C-alpha atoms as a PDB file:
ATOM      1  CA  UNK A   1     -59.972  50.795 -19.786  1.00  0.00           C
ATOM      2  CA  UNK A   2     -58.334  47.789 -21.228  1.00  0.00           C
ATOM      3  CA  UNK A   3     -57.095  47.770 -25.070  1.00  0.00           C
ATOM      4  CA  UNK A   4     -60.279  45.845 -26.283  1.00  0.00           C
ATOM      5  CA  UNK A   5     -62.361  48.244 -28.179  1.00  0.00           C
ATOM      6  CA  UNK A   6     -65.184  50.002 -26.202  1.00  0.00           C
ATOM      7  CA  UNK A   7     -68.882  49.777 -26.742  1.00  0.00           C
ATOM      8  CA  UNK A   8     -71.215  52.659 -27.294  1.00  0.00           C
ATOM      9  CA  UNK A   9     -72.814  51.412 -24.007  1.00  0.00           C
ATOM     10  CA  UNK A  10     -69.636  51.888 -22.336  1.00  0.00           C
ATOM     11  CA  UNK A  11     -68.899  55.021 -23.371  1.00  0.00           C
ATOM     12  CA  UNK A  12     -72.164  56.443 -22.724  1.00  0.00           C
ATOM     13  CA  UNK A  13     -70.835  56.057 -18.912  1.00  0.00           C
ATOM     14  CA  UNK A  14     -67.725  58.610 -19.614  1.00  0.00           C
ATOM     15  CA  UNK A  15     -68.476  62.377 -18.994  1.00  0.00           C
ATOM     16  CA  UNK A  16     -67.583  64.468 -21.832  1.00  0.00           C
ATOM     17  CA  UNK A  17     -64.183  65.582 -20.466  1.00  0.00           C
ATOM     18  CA  UNK A  18     -62.968  62.382 -19.277  1.00  0.00           C
ATOM     19  CA  UNK A  19     -64.047  61.223 -22.667  1.00  0.00           C
ATOM     20  CA  UNK A  20     -61.508  64.156 -24.552  1.00  0.00           C
ATOM     21  CA  UNK A  21     -58.710  62.741 -22.106  1.00  0.00           C
ATOM     22  CA  UNK A  22     -58.891  59.442 -23.186  1.00  0.00           C
ATOM     23  CA  UNK A  23     -59.462  60.008 -26.628  1.00  0.00           C
ATOM     24  CA  UNK A  24     -55.821  62.221 -26.653  1.00  0.00           C
ATOM     25  CA  UNK A  25     -54.001  59.647 -24.651  1.00  0.00           C
ATOM     26  CA  UNK A  26     -55.156  56.672 -26.929  1.00  0.00           C
ATOM     27  CA  UNK A  27     -54.224  58.557 -29.920  1.00  0.00           C
ATOM     28  CA  UNK A  28     -51.269  59.482 -28.799  1.00  0.00           C
ATOM     29  CA  UNK A  29     -50.245  55.861 -27.761  1.00  0.00           C
ATOM     30  CA  UNK A  30     -51.780  54.713 -31.188  1.00  0.00           C
ATOM     31  CA  UNK A  31     -49.169  57.611 -32.723  1.00  0.00           C
ATOM     32  CA  UNK A  32     -45.840  55.843 -30.794  1.00  0.00           C
ATOM     33  CA  UNK A  33     -46.718  52.731 -32.604  1.00  0.00           C
ATOM     34  CA  UNK A  34     -48.995  50.621 -30.555  1.00  0.00           C
ATOM     35  CA  UNK A  35     -51.514  48.731 -33.026  1.00  0.00           C
ATOM     36  CA  UNK A  36     -53.913  47.781 -30.559  1.00  0.00           C
ATOM     37  CA  UNK A  37     -54.272  51.722 -29.393  1.00  0.00           C
ATOM     38  CA  UNK A  38     -55.610  52.560 -32.952  1.00  0.00           C
ATOM     39  CA  UNK A  39     -59.321  51.298 -32.410  1.00  0.00           C
ATOM     40  CA  UNK A  40     -59.770  52.250 -29.048  1.00  0.00           C
ATOM     41  CA  UNK A  41     -58.517  55.803 -30.038  1.00  0.00           C
ATOM     42  CA  UNK A  42     -60.813  55.758 -33.385  1.00  0.00           C
ATOM     43  CA  UNK A  43     -63.905  54.352 -30.925  1.00  0.00           C
ATOM     44  CA  UNK A  44     -63.358  57.326 -28.415  1.00  0.00           C
ATOM     45  CA  UNK A  45     -63.186  60.103 -31.230  1.00  0.00           C
ATOM     46  CA  UNK A  46     -66.071  58.803 -32.958  1.00  0.00           C
ATOM     47  CA  UNK A  47     -67.749  59.077 -29.505  1.00  0.00           C
ATOM     48  CA  UNK A  48     -66.271  62.843 -28.754  1.00  0.00           C
ATOM     49  CA  UNK A  49     -67.390  63.651 -32.960  1.00  0.00           C
ATOM     50  CA  UNK A  50     -70.898  62.631 -31.906  1.00  0.00           C
ATOM     51  CA  UNK A  51     -71.640  64.406 -29.177  1.00  0.00           C
ATOM     52  CA  UNK A  52     -70.350  67.339 -30.670  1.00  0.00           C
ATOM     53  CA  UNK A  53     -72.214  67.129 -33.678  1.00  0.00           C
ATOM     54  CA  UNK A  54     -75.533  66.671 -30.725  1.00  0.00           C
ATOM     55  CA  UNK A  55     -74.792  69.706 -29.060  1.00  0.00           C
ATOM     56  CA  UNK A  56     -74.612  71.765 -32.055  1.00  0.00           C
ATOM     57  CA  UNK A  57     -77.619  70.743 -33.443  1.00  0.00           C
ATOM     58  CA  UNK A  58     -79.498  71.612 -30.172  1.00  0.00           C
ATOM     59  CA  UNK A  59     -77.569  75.117 -30.935  1.00  0.00           C
ATOM     60  CA  UNK A  60     -79.624  75.671 -34.246  1.00  0.00           C
ATOM     61  CA  UNK A  61     -82.715  77.950 -34.156  1.00  0.00           C
ATOM     62  CA  UNK A  62     -85.935  76.212 -35.642  1.00  0.00           C
ATOM     63  CA  UNK A  63     -86.116  75.885 -39.100  1.00  0.00           C
ATOM     64  CA  UNK A  64     -87.747  78.888 -41.014  1.00  0.00           C
ATOM     65  CA  UNK A  65     -91.476  78.190 -42.823  1.00  0.00           C
ATOM     66  CA  UNK A  66     -90.599  78.083 -46.323  1.00  0.00           C
ATOM     67  CA  UNK A  67     -92.058  80.809 -48.769  1.00  0.00           C
ATOM     68  CA  UNK A  68     -95.334  80.307 -50.275  1.00  0.00           C
ATOM     69  CA  UNK A  69     -93.712  80.408 -53.702  1.00  0.00           C
ATOM     70  CA  UNK A  70     -90.030  80.056 -54.537  1.00  0.00           C
ATOM     71  CA  UNK A  71     -88.239  83.114 -55.735  1.00  0.00           C
ATOM     72  CA  UNK A  72     -86.934  81.352 -59.214  1.00  0.00           C
ATOM     73  CA  UNK A  73     -90.599  81.066 -60.124  1.00  0.00           C
ATOM     74  CA  UNK A  74     -91.744  83.904 -62.201  1.00  0.00           C
ATOM     75  CA  UNK A  75     -94.815  83.201 -63.430  1.00  0.00           C
ATOM     76  CA  UNK A  76     -97.807  82.840 -61.511  1.00  0.00           C
ATOM     77  CA  UNK A  77    -100.060  79.407 -60.722  1.00  0.00           C
ATOM     78  CA  UNK A  78    -102.192  79.847 -64.246  1.00  0.00           C
ATOM     79  CA  UNK A  79     -98.840  80.886 -66.525  1.00  0.00           C
ATOM     80  CA  UNK A  80     -99.570  85.034 -65.671  1.00  0.00           C
ATOM     81  CA  UNK A  81     -96.760  87.006 -65.190  1.00  0.00           C
ATOM     82  CA  UNK A  82     -97.028  87.894 -61.064  1.00  0.00           C
ATOM     83  CA  UNK A  83     -98.055  91.865 -60.878  1.00  0.00           C
ATOM     84  CA  UNK A  84     -95.846  93.138 -58.519  1.00  0.00           C
END
């Protein structure tokens, strides 16, 4: 990969492990003062976070149905107290 900032299309063809390895490598280069490496490292890290976020969303359980009446509404629909 050259020092031009990669596009999302270019990053889509890189597997997750390689993407992390490249992000760490480019961030280390940027940390040593290579100013051109900052943009590349940032783009790689953004893609890593995007993929992680997507995989975590897929692990969430389906959304539970909303209760018929919010718990904080103490009064019934016609203004009378709810009978328990």
